[in-house]
């Protein structure tokens, strides 16, 4: 609660966020007051690495082919009357 007060959150709002119910740290992290007060810039200033940037560095974008490649099937292209046989059920 003291940390929220240092970040200019009203004392009553900080008390409601922190002391309302039994919440885990994970659940508190998703509170709108916490999200708004402790934004990305706060954690960047604290020296924490960005998960999104780390993910992008480890997973480069895939190269996409500029055009659709044609698949030439012999039984369709050259010999239209010869088709694969299927078993009769």
PDB file of N, CA and C in Angstrom:
ATOM      1  N   UNK A   1       0.820  -1.176   0.000  1.00  0.00           N
ATOM      2  CA  UNK A   1       0.000   0.000   0.000  1.00  0.00           C
ATOM      3  C   UNK A   1       0.875   1.255   0.000  1.00  0.00           C
ATOM      4  N   UNK A   2       1.987   1.205   0.715  1.00  0.00           N
ATOM      5  CA  UNK A   2       2.882   2.366   0.743  1.00  0.00           C
ATOM      6  C   UNK A   2       3.457   2.665  -0.638  1.00  0.00           C
ATOM      7  N   UNK A   3       3.737   1.606  -1.390  1.00  0.00           N
ATOM      8  CA  UNK A   3       4.284   1.823  -2.736  1.00  0.00           C
ATOM      9  C   UNK A   3       3.267   2.491  -3.643  1.00  0.00           C
ATOM     10  N   UNK A   4       2.000   2.101  -3.519  1.00  0.00           N
ATOM     11  CA  UNK A   4       0.957   2.738  -4.322  1.00  0.00           C
ATOM     12  C   UNK A   4       0.785   4.199  -3.913  1.00  0.00           C
ATOM     13  N   UNK A   5       0.888   4.474  -2.609  1.00  0.00           N
ATOM     14  CA  UNK A   5       0.774   5.856  -2.139  1.00  0.00           C
ATOM     15  C   UNK A   5       1.923   6.705  -2.679  1.00  0.00           C
ATOM     16  N   UNK A   6       3.105   6.144  -2.775  1.00  0.00           N
ATOM     17  CA  UNK A   6       4.246   6.873  -3.340  1.00  0.00           C
ATOM     18  C   UNK A   6       4.027   7.182  -4.813  1.00  0.00           C
ATOM     19  N   UNK A   7       3.252   6.353  -5.482  1.00  0.00           N
ATOM     20  CA  UNK A   7       2.964   6.555  -6.907  1.00  0.00           C
ATOM     21  C   UNK A   7       1.695   7.369  -7.130  1.00  0.00           C
ATOM     22  N   UNK A   8       1.283   8.117  -6.113  1.00  0.00           N
ATOM     23  CA  UNK A   8       0.158   9.049  -6.167  1.00  0.00           C
ATOM     24  C   UNK A   8      -1.207   8.398  -6.341  1.00  0.00           C
ATOM     25  N   UNK A   9      -1.384   7.239  -5.751  1.00  0.00           N
ATOM     26  CA  UNK A   9      -2.708   6.615  -5.702  1.00  0.00           C
ATOM     27  C   UNK A   9      -3.320   7.023  -4.374  1.00  0.00           C
ATOM     28  N   UNK A  10      -4.591   7.424  -4.377  1.00  0.00           N
ATOM     29  CA  UNK A  10      -5.240   7.833  -3.130  1.00  0.00           C
ATOM     30  C   UNK A  10      -5.161   6.697  -2.114  1.00  0.00           C
ATOM     31  N   UNK A  11      -4.999   7.058  -0.848  1.00  0.00           N
ATOM     32  CA  UNK A  11      -4.832   6.066   0.219  1.00  0.00           C
ATOM     33  C   UNK A  11      -6.043   5.143   0.313  1.00  0.00           C
ATOM     34  N   UNK A  12      -7.243   5.680   0.151  1.00  0.00           N
ATOM     35  CA  UNK A  12      -8.437   4.837   0.245  1.00  0.00           C
ATOM     36  C   UNK A  12      -8.499   3.842  -0.917  1.00  0.00           C
ATOM     37  N   UNK A  13      -8.131   4.274  -2.114  1.00  0.00           N
ATOM     38  CA  UNK A  13      -8.126   3.381  -3.274  1.00  0.00           C
ATOM     39  C   UNK A  13      -7.071   2.298  -3.106  1.00  0.00           C
ATOM     40  N   UNK A  14      -5.886   2.691  -2.640  1.00  0.00           N
ATOM     41  CA  UNK A  14      -4.810   1.721  -2.427  1.00  0.00           C
ATOM     42  C   UNK A  14      -5.214   0.685  -1.385  1.00  0.00           C
ATOM     43  N   UNK A  15      -5.879   1.129  -0.314  1.00  0.00           N
ATOM     44  CA  UNK A  15      -6.319   0.204   0.733  1.00  0.00           C
ATOM     45  C   UNK A  15      -7.354  -0.773   0.189  1.00  0.00           C
ATOM     46  N   UNK A  16      -8.279  -0.301  -0.631  1.00  0.00           N
ATOM     47  CA  UNK A  16      -9.293  -1.186  -1.203  1.00  0.00           C
ATOM     48  C   UNK A  16      -8.646  -2.226  -2.112  1.00  0.00           C
ATOM     49  N   UNK A  17      -7.683  -1.797  -2.898  1.00  0.00           N
ATOM     50  CA  UNK A  17      -7.029  -2.721  -3.829  1.00  0.00           C
ATOM     51  C   UNK A  17      -6.269  -3.792  -3.070  1.00  0.00           C
ATOM     52  N   UNK A  18      -5.508  -3.377  -2.079  1.00  0.00           N
ATOM     53  CA  UNK A  18      -4.615  -4.312  -1.391  1.00  0.00           C
ATOM     54  C   UNK A  18      -5.352  -5.184  -0.386  1.00  0.00           C
ATOM     55  N   UNK A  19      -6.268  -4.611   0.369  1.00  0.00           N
ATOM     56  CA  UNK A  19      -6.856  -5.348   1.486  1.00  0.00           C
ATOM     57  C   UNK A  19      -8.224  -5.956   1.205  1.00  0.00           C
ATOM     58  N   UNK A  20      -8.819  -5.729   0.041  1.00  0.00           N
ATOM     59  CA  UNK A  20     -10.136  -6.289  -0.235  1.00  0.00           C
ATOM     60  C   UNK A  20      -9.993  -7.781  -0.538  1.00  0.00           C
ATOM     61  N   UNK A  21     -10.499  -8.615   0.318  1.00  0.00           N
ATOM     62  CA  UNK A  21     -10.468 -10.058   0.113  1.00  0.00           C
ATOM     63  C   UNK A  21      -9.057 -10.623   0.217  1.00  0.00           C
ATOM     64  N   UNK A  22      -8.969 -11.904   0.101  1.00  0.00           N
ATOM     65  CA  UNK A  22      -7.673 -12.575   0.122  1.00  0.00           C
ATOM     66  C   UNK A  22      -7.268 -12.833  -1.318  1.00  0.00           C
ATOM     67  N   UNK A  23      -6.428 -11.989  -1.835  1.00  0.00           N
ATOM     68  CA  UNK A  23      -6.005 -12.117  -3.224  1.00  0.00           C
ATOM     69  C   UNK A  23      -4.541 -12.497  -3.301  1.00  0.00           C
ATOM     70  N   UNK A  24      -4.258 -13.313  -4.246  1.00  0.00           N
ATOM     71  CA  UNK A  24      -2.866 -13.683  -4.471  1.00  0.00           C
ATOM     72  C   UNK A  24      -2.163 -12.546  -5.213  1.00  0.00           C
ATOM     73  N   UNK A  25      -0.854 -12.600  -5.243  1.00  0.00           N
ATOM     74  CA  UNK A  25      -0.072 -11.593  -5.952  1.00  0.00           C
ATOM     75  C   UNK A  25      -0.423 -11.597  -7.438  1.00  0.00           C
ATOM     76  N   UNK A  26      -0.642 -12.783  -7.986  1.00  0.00           N
ATOM     77  CA  UNK A  26      -0.993 -12.907  -9.393  1.00  0.00           C
ATOM     78  C   UNK A  26      -2.314 -12.193  -9.685  1.00  0.00           C
ATOM     79  N   UNK A  27      -3.293 -12.392  -8.816  1.00  0.00           N
ATOM     80  CA  UNK A  27      -4.602 -11.773  -9.025  1.00  0.00           C
ATOM     81  C   UNK A  27      -4.533 -10.261  -8.824  1.00  0.00           C
ATOM     82  N   UNK A  28      -3.736  -9.807  -7.875  1.00  0.00           N
ATOM     83  CA  UNK A  28      -3.573  -8.369  -7.661  1.00  0.00           C
ATOM     84  C   UNK A  28      -2.941  -7.702  -8.887  1.00  0.00           C
ATOM     85  N   UNK A  29      -2.070  -8.415  -9.570  1.00  0.00           N
ATOM     86  CA  UNK A  29      -1.380  -7.840 -10.725  1.00  0.00           C
ATOM     87  C   UNK A  29      -2.339  -7.515 -11.856  1.00  0.00           C
ATOM     88  N   UNK A  30      -3.518  -8.119 -11.871  1.00  0.00           N
ATOM     89  CA  UNK A  30      -4.482  -7.858 -12.932  1.00  0.00           C
ATOM     90  C   UNK A  30      -5.531  -6.824 -12.533  1.00  0.00           C
ATOM     91  N   UNK A  31      -5.351  -6.170 -11.411  1.00  0.00           N
ATOM     92  CA  UNK A  31      -6.273  -5.146 -10.954  1.00  0.00           C
ATOM     93  C   UNK A  31      -6.095  -3.881 -11.797  1.00  0.00           C
ATOM     94  N   UNK A  32      -7.189  -3.252 -12.243  1.00  0.00           N
ATOM     95  CA  UNK A  32      -7.068  -2.064 -13.104  1.00  0.00           C
ATOM     96  C   UNK A  32      -6.250  -0.929 -12.481  1.00  0.00           C
ATOM     97  N   UNK A  33      -6.371  -0.741 -11.176  1.00  0.00           N
ATOM     98  CA  UNK A  33      -5.603   0.330 -10.515  1.00  0.00           C
ATOM     99  C   UNK A  33      -4.110   0.018 -10.591  1.00  0.00           C
ATOM    100  N   UNK A  34      -3.751  -1.228 -10.342  1.00  0.00           N
ATOM    101  CA  UNK A  34      -2.344  -1.626 -10.402  1.00  0.00           C
ATOM    102  C   UNK A  34      -1.830  -1.521 -11.830  1.00  0.00           C
ATOM    103  N   UNK A  35      -2.617  -1.995 -12.796  1.00  0.00           N
ATOM    104  CA  UNK A  35      -2.195  -1.977 -14.199  1.00  0.00           C
ATOM    105  C   UNK A  35      -1.976  -0.539 -14.668  1.00  0.00           C
ATOM    106  N   UNK A  36      -2.872   0.367 -14.274  1.00  0.00           N
ATOM    107  CA  UNK A  36      -2.750   1.755 -14.695  1.00  0.00           C
ATOM    108  C   UNK A  36      -1.576   2.443 -13.998  1.00  0.00           C
ATOM    109  N   UNK A  37      -1.381   2.163 -12.725  1.00  0.00           N
ATOM    110  CA  UNK A  37      -0.322   2.816 -11.967  1.00  0.00           C
ATOM    111  C   UNK A  37       1.053   2.264 -12.322  1.00  0.00           C
ATOM    112  N   UNK A  38       1.153   0.949 -12.347  1.00  0.00           N
ATOM    113  CA  UNK A  38       2.440   0.317 -12.644  1.00  0.00           C
ATOM    114  C   UNK A  38       2.431  -0.155 -14.089  1.00  0.00           C
ATOM    115  N   UNK A  39       2.581   0.737 -15.004  1.00  0.00           N
ATOM    116  CA  UNK A  39       2.553   0.403 -16.419  1.00  0.00           C
ATOM    117  C   UNK A  39       3.867  -0.208 -16.880  1.00  0.00           C
ATOM    118  N   UNK A  40       3.991  -0.364 -18.173  1.00  0.00           N
ATOM    119  CA  UNK A  40       5.188  -0.958 -18.776  1.00  0.00           C
ATOM    120  C   UNK A  40       6.414  -0.110 -18.459  1.00  0.00           C
ATOM    121  N   UNK A  41       6.245   1.209 -18.493  1.00  0.00           N
ATOM    122  CA  UNK A  41       7.382   2.092 -18.235  1.00  0.00           C
ATOM    123  C   UNK A  41       7.955   1.885 -16.832  1.00  0.00           C
ATOM    124  N   UNK A  42       7.103   1.659 -15.849  1.00  0.00           N
ATOM    125  CA  UNK A  42       7.570   1.437 -14.481  1.00  0.00           C
ATOM    126  C   UNK A  42       8.481   0.214 -14.417  1.00  0.00           C
ATOM    127  N   UNK A  43       8.062  -0.881 -15.028  1.00  0.00           N
ATOM    128  CA  UNK A  43       8.850  -2.109 -14.975  1.00  0.00           C
ATOM    129  C   UNK A  43      10.112  -2.000 -15.828  1.00  0.00           C
ATOM    130  N   UNK A  44      10.044  -1.248 -16.921  1.00  0.00           N
ATOM    131  CA  UNK A  44      11.234  -1.011 -17.728  1.00  0.00           C
ATOM    132  C   UNK A  44      12.245  -0.194 -16.931  1.00  0.00           C
ATOM    133  N   UNK A  45      11.758   0.814 -16.209  1.00  0.00           N
ATOM    134  CA  UNK A  45      12.646   1.621 -15.358  1.00  0.00           C
ATOM    135  C   UNK A  45      13.272   0.796 -14.240  1.00  0.00           C
ATOM    136  N   UNK A  46      12.569  -0.261 -13.802  1.00  0.00           N
ATOM    137  CA  UNK A  46      13.099  -1.131 -12.754  1.00  0.00           C
ATOM    138  C   UNK A  46      14.153  -2.096 -13.295  1.00  0.00           C
ATOM    139  N   UNK A  47      14.315  -2.148 -14.615  1.00  0.00           N
ATOM    140  CA  UNK A  47      15.323  -2.999 -15.230  1.00  0.00           C
ATOM    141  C   UNK A  47      14.828  -4.376 -15.628  1.00  0.00           C
ATOM    142  N   UNK A  48      13.518  -4.612 -15.597  1.00  0.00           N
ATOM    143  CA  UNK A  48      12.989  -5.916 -15.995  1.00  0.00           C
ATOM    144  C   UNK A  48      12.932  -6.023 -17.510  1.00  0.00           C
ATOM    145  N   UNK A  49      13.349  -7.153 -18.062  1.00  0.00           N
ATOM    146  CA  UNK A  49      13.294  -7.307 -19.521  1.00  0.00           C
ATOM    147  C   UNK A  49      11.845  -7.505 -19.984  1.00  0.00           C
ATOM    148  N   UNK A  50      11.571  -7.084 -21.203  1.00  0.00           N
ATOM    149  CA  UNK A  50      10.237  -7.228 -21.784  1.00  0.00           C
ATOM    150  C   UNK A  50      10.063  -8.655 -22.292  1.00  0.00           C
ATOM    151  N   UNK A  51       8.997  -9.299 -21.877  1.00  0.00           N
ATOM    152  CA  UNK A  51       8.710 -10.651 -22.351  1.00  0.00           C
ATOM    153  C   UNK A  51       8.396 -10.620 -23.846  1.00  0.00           C
ATOM    154  N   UNK A  52       7.675  -9.602 -24.289  1.00  0.00           N
ATOM    155  CA  UNK A  52       7.316  -9.492 -25.712  1.00  0.00           C
ATOM    156  C   UNK A  52       8.565  -9.339 -26.578  1.00  0.00           C
ATOM    157  N   UNK A  53       9.501  -8.500 -26.152  1.00  0.00           N
ATOM    158  CA  UNK A  53      10.730  -8.322 -26.927  1.00  0.00           C
ATOM    159  C   UNK A  53      11.563  -9.595 -26.933  1.00  0.00           C
ATOM    160  N   UNK A  54      11.621 -10.283 -25.808  1.00  0.00           N
ATOM    161  CA  UNK A  54      12.366 -11.545 -25.752  1.00  0.00           C
ATOM    162  C   UNK A  54      11.745 -12.577 -26.676  1.00  0.00           C
ATOM    163  N   UNK A  55      10.410 -12.648 -26.695  1.00  0.00           N
ATOM    164  CA  UNK A  55       9.725 -13.610 -27.555  1.00  0.00           C
ATOM    165  C   UNK A  55       9.997 -13.297 -29.028  1.00  0.00           C
ATOM    166  N   UNK A  56       9.915 -12.000 -29.390  1.00  0.00           N
ATOM    167  CA  UNK A  56      10.176 -11.620 -30.784  1.00  0.00           C
ATOM    168  C   UNK A  56      11.605 -11.946 -31.202  1.00  0.00           C
ATOM    169  N   UNK A  57      12.567 -11.794 -30.280  1.00  0.00           N
ATOM    170  CA  UNK A  57      13.964 -12.095 -30.604  1.00  0.00           C
ATOM    171  C   UNK A  57      14.161 -13.597 -30.823  1.00  0.00           C
ATOM    172  N   UNK A  58      13.451 -14.415 -30.062  1.00  0.00           N
ATOM    173  CA  UNK A  58      13.597 -15.869 -30.179  1.00  0.00           C
ATOM    174  C   UNK A  58      12.736 -16.472 -31.282  1.00  0.00           C
ATOM    175  N   UNK A  59      11.710 -15.762 -31.721  1.00  0.00           N
ATOM    176  CA  UNK A  59      10.787 -16.267 -32.744  1.00  0.00           C
ATOM    177  C   UNK A  59      10.669 -15.271 -33.885  1.00  0.00           C
ATOM    178  N   UNK A  60      11.649 -15.268 -34.787  1.00  0.00           N
ATOM    179  CA  UNK A  60      11.560 -14.315 -35.899  1.00  0.00           C
ATOM    180  C   UNK A  60      10.350 -14.628 -36.781  1.00  0.00           C
ATOM    181  N   UNK A  61       9.906 -13.624 -37.495  1.00  0.00           N
ATOM    182  CA  UNK A  61       8.734 -13.817 -38.352  1.00  0.00           C
ATOM    183  C   UNK A  61       9.060 -14.791 -39.479  1.00  0.00           C
ATOM    184  N   UNK A  62       8.075 -15.520 -39.888  1.00  0.00           N
ATOM    185  CA  UNK A  62       8.247 -16.492 -40.957  1.00  0.00           C
ATOM    186  C   UNK A  62       8.236 -15.789 -42.309  1.00  0.00           C
ATOM    187  N   UNK A  63       9.049 -16.276 -43.216  1.00  0.00           N
ATOM    188  CA  UNK A  63       9.049 -15.731 -44.571  1.00  0.00           C
ATOM    189  C   UNK A  63       7.852 -16.305 -45.312  1.00  0.00           C
ATOM    190  N   UNK A  64       7.095 -15.456 -45.938  1.00  0.00           N
ATOM    191  CA  UNK A  64       5.907 -15.886 -46.670  1.00  0.00           C
ATOM    192  C   UNK A  64       6.216 -15.827 -48.157  1.00  0.00           C
ATOM    193  N   UNK A  65       5.850 -16.860 -48.875  1.00  0.00           N
ATOM    194  CA  UNK A  65       6.096 -16.923 -50.316  1.00  0.00           C
ATOM    195  C   UNK A  65       5.324 -15.809 -51.015  1.00  0.00           C
ATOM    196  N   UNK A  66       5.932 -15.164 -52.016  1.00  0.00           N
ATOM    197  CA  UNK A  66       5.252 -14.055 -52.683  1.00  0.00           C
ATOM    198  C   UNK A  66       4.055 -14.492 -53.531  1.00  0.00           C
ATOM    199  N   UNK A  67       4.091 -15.715 -54.047  1.00  0.00           N
ATOM    200  CA  UNK A  67       2.975 -16.205 -54.861  1.00  0.00           C
ATOM    201  C   UNK A  67       2.654 -17.639 -54.461  1.00  0.00           C
ATOM    202  N   UNK A  68       1.468 -18.065 -54.823  1.00  0.00           N
ATOM    203  CA  UNK A  68       1.061 -19.437 -54.565  1.00  0.00           C
ATOM    204  C   UNK A  68       1.785 -20.362 -55.539  1.00  0.00           C
ATOM    205  N   UNK A  69       2.402 -21.390 -55.028  1.00  0.00           N
ATOM    206  CA  UNK A  69       3.086 -22.344 -55.881  1.00  0.00           C
ATOM    207  C   UNK A  69       2.073 -23.318 -56.473  1.00  0.00           C
ATOM    208  N   UNK A  70       2.270 -23.671 -57.736  1.00  0.00           N
ATOM    209  CA  UNK A  70       1.358 -24.596 -58.410  1.00  0.00           C
ATOM    210  C   UNK A  70       1.816 -26.024 -58.129  1.00  0.00           C
ATOM    211  N   UNK A  71       0.892 -26.867 -57.778  1.00  0.00           N
ATOM    212  CA  UNK A  71       1.172 -28.272 -57.538  1.00  0.00           C
ATOM    213  C   UNK A  71       0.708 -29.045 -58.756  1.00  0.00           C
ATOM    214  N   UNK A  72       1.626 -29.616 -59.465  1.00  0.00           N
ATOM    215  CA  UNK A  72       1.307 -30.320 -60.702  1.00  0.00           C
ATOM    216  C   UNK A  72       1.091 -31.792 -60.396  1.00  0.00           C
ATOM    217  N   UNK A  73      -0.111 -32.211 -60.496  1.00  0.00           N
ATOM    218  CA  UNK A  73      -0.433 -33.611 -60.312  1.00  0.00           C
ATOM    219  C   UNK A  73      -0.562 -34.258 -61.684  1.00  0.00           C
ATOM    220  N   UNK A  74       0.189 -35.325 -61.917  1.00  0.00           N
ATOM    221  CA  UNK A  74       0.208 -35.970 -63.214  1.00  0.00           C
ATOM    222  C   UNK A  74      -1.165 -36.426 -63.669  1.00  0.00           C
ATOM    223  N   UNK A  75      -1.953 -36.987 -62.805  1.00  0.00           N
ATOM    224  CA  UNK A  75      -3.246 -37.516 -63.217  1.00  0.00           C
ATOM    225  C   UNK A  75      -4.262 -36.431 -63.490  1.00  0.00           C
ATOM    226  N   UNK A  76      -4.021 -35.206 -63.041  1.00  0.00           N
ATOM    227  CA  UNK A  76      -4.937 -34.115 -63.361  1.00  0.00           C
ATOM    228  C   UNK A  76      -4.453 -33.303 -64.556  1.00  0.00           C
ATOM    229  N   UNK A  77      -3.148 -33.074 -64.646  1.00  0.00           N
ATOM    230  CA  UNK A  77      -2.628 -32.172 -65.669  1.00  0.00           C
ATOM    231  C   UNK A  77      -2.516 -32.825 -67.044  1.00  0.00           C
ATOM    232  N   UNK A  78      -1.799 -33.939 -67.129  1.00  0.00           N
ATOM    233  CA  UNK A  78      -1.528 -34.518 -68.442  1.00  0.00           C
ATOM    234  C   UNK A  78      -2.550 -35.561 -68.873  1.00  0.00           C
ATOM    235  N   UNK A  79      -3.050 -36.322 -67.972  1.00  0.00           N
ATOM    236  CA  UNK A  79      -3.915 -37.445 -68.327  1.00  0.00           C
ATOM    237  C   UNK A  79      -5.261 -37.312 -67.618  1.00  0.00           C
ATOM    238  N   UNK A  80      -6.188 -36.519 -68.156  1.00  0.00           N
ATOM    239  CA  UNK A  80      -7.439 -36.281 -67.451  1.00  0.00           C
ATOM    240  C   UNK A  80      -8.332 -37.501 -67.320  1.00  0.00           C
ATOM    241  N   UNK A  81      -8.186 -38.514 -68.197  1.00  0.00           N
ATOM    242  CA  UNK A  81      -9.072 -39.668 -68.104  1.00  0.00           C
ATOM    243  C   UNK A  81      -8.537 -40.758 -67.174  1.00  0.00           C
ATOM    244  N   UNK A  82      -7.315 -40.631 -66.684  1.00  0.00           N
ATOM    245  CA  UNK A  82      -6.734 -41.623 -65.769  1.00  0.00           C
ATOM    246  C   UNK A  82      -6.842 -41.041 -64.355  1.00  0.00           C
ATOM    247  N   UNK A  83      -7.634 -41.696 -63.549  1.00  0.00           N
ATOM    248  CA  UNK A  83      -7.840 -41.198 -62.175  1.00  0.00           C
ATOM    249  C   UNK A  83      -7.441 -42.277 -61.204  1.00  0.00           C
ATOM    250  N   UNK A  84      -7.066 -41.895 -60.021  1.00  0.00           N
ATOM    251  CA  UNK A  84      -6.729 -42.916 -59.025  1.00  0.00           C
ATOM    252  C   UNK A  84      -7.959 -43.715 -58.661  1.00  0.00           C
ATOM    253  N   UNK A  85      -7.738 -44.971 -58.405  1.00  0.00           N
ATOM    254  CA  UNK A  85      -8.858 -45.832 -58.061  1.00  0.00           C
ATOM    255  C   UNK A  85      -9.063 -45.813 -56.552  1.00  0.00           C
ATOM    256  N   UNK A  86     -10.287 -45.918 -56.154  1.00  0.00           N
ATOM    257  CA  UNK A  86     -10.580 -45.991 -54.734  1.00  0.00           C
ATOM    258  C   UNK A  86     -11.290 -47.314 -54.468  1.00  0.00           C
ATOM    259  N   UNK A  87     -11.074 -47.886 -53.317  1.00  0.00           N
ATOM    260  CA  UNK A  87     -11.730 -49.150 -53.017  1.00  0.00           C
ATOM    261  C   UNK A  87     -13.250 -48.966 -52.888  1.00  0.00           C
ATOM    262  N   UNK A  88     -13.979 -49.944 -53.315  1.00  0.00           N
ATOM    263  CA  UNK A  88     -15.426 -49.917 -53.217  1.00  0.00           C
ATOM    264  C   UNK A  88     -15.796 -50.503 -51.876  1.00  0.00           C
ATOM    265  N   UNK A  89     -16.589 -49.784 -51.141  1.00  0.00           N
ATOM    266  CA  UNK A  89     -16.978 -50.277 -49.809  1.00  0.00           C
ATOM    267  C   UNK A  89     -18.253 -51.036 -49.832  1.00  0.00           C
TER     268      UNK A  89
END
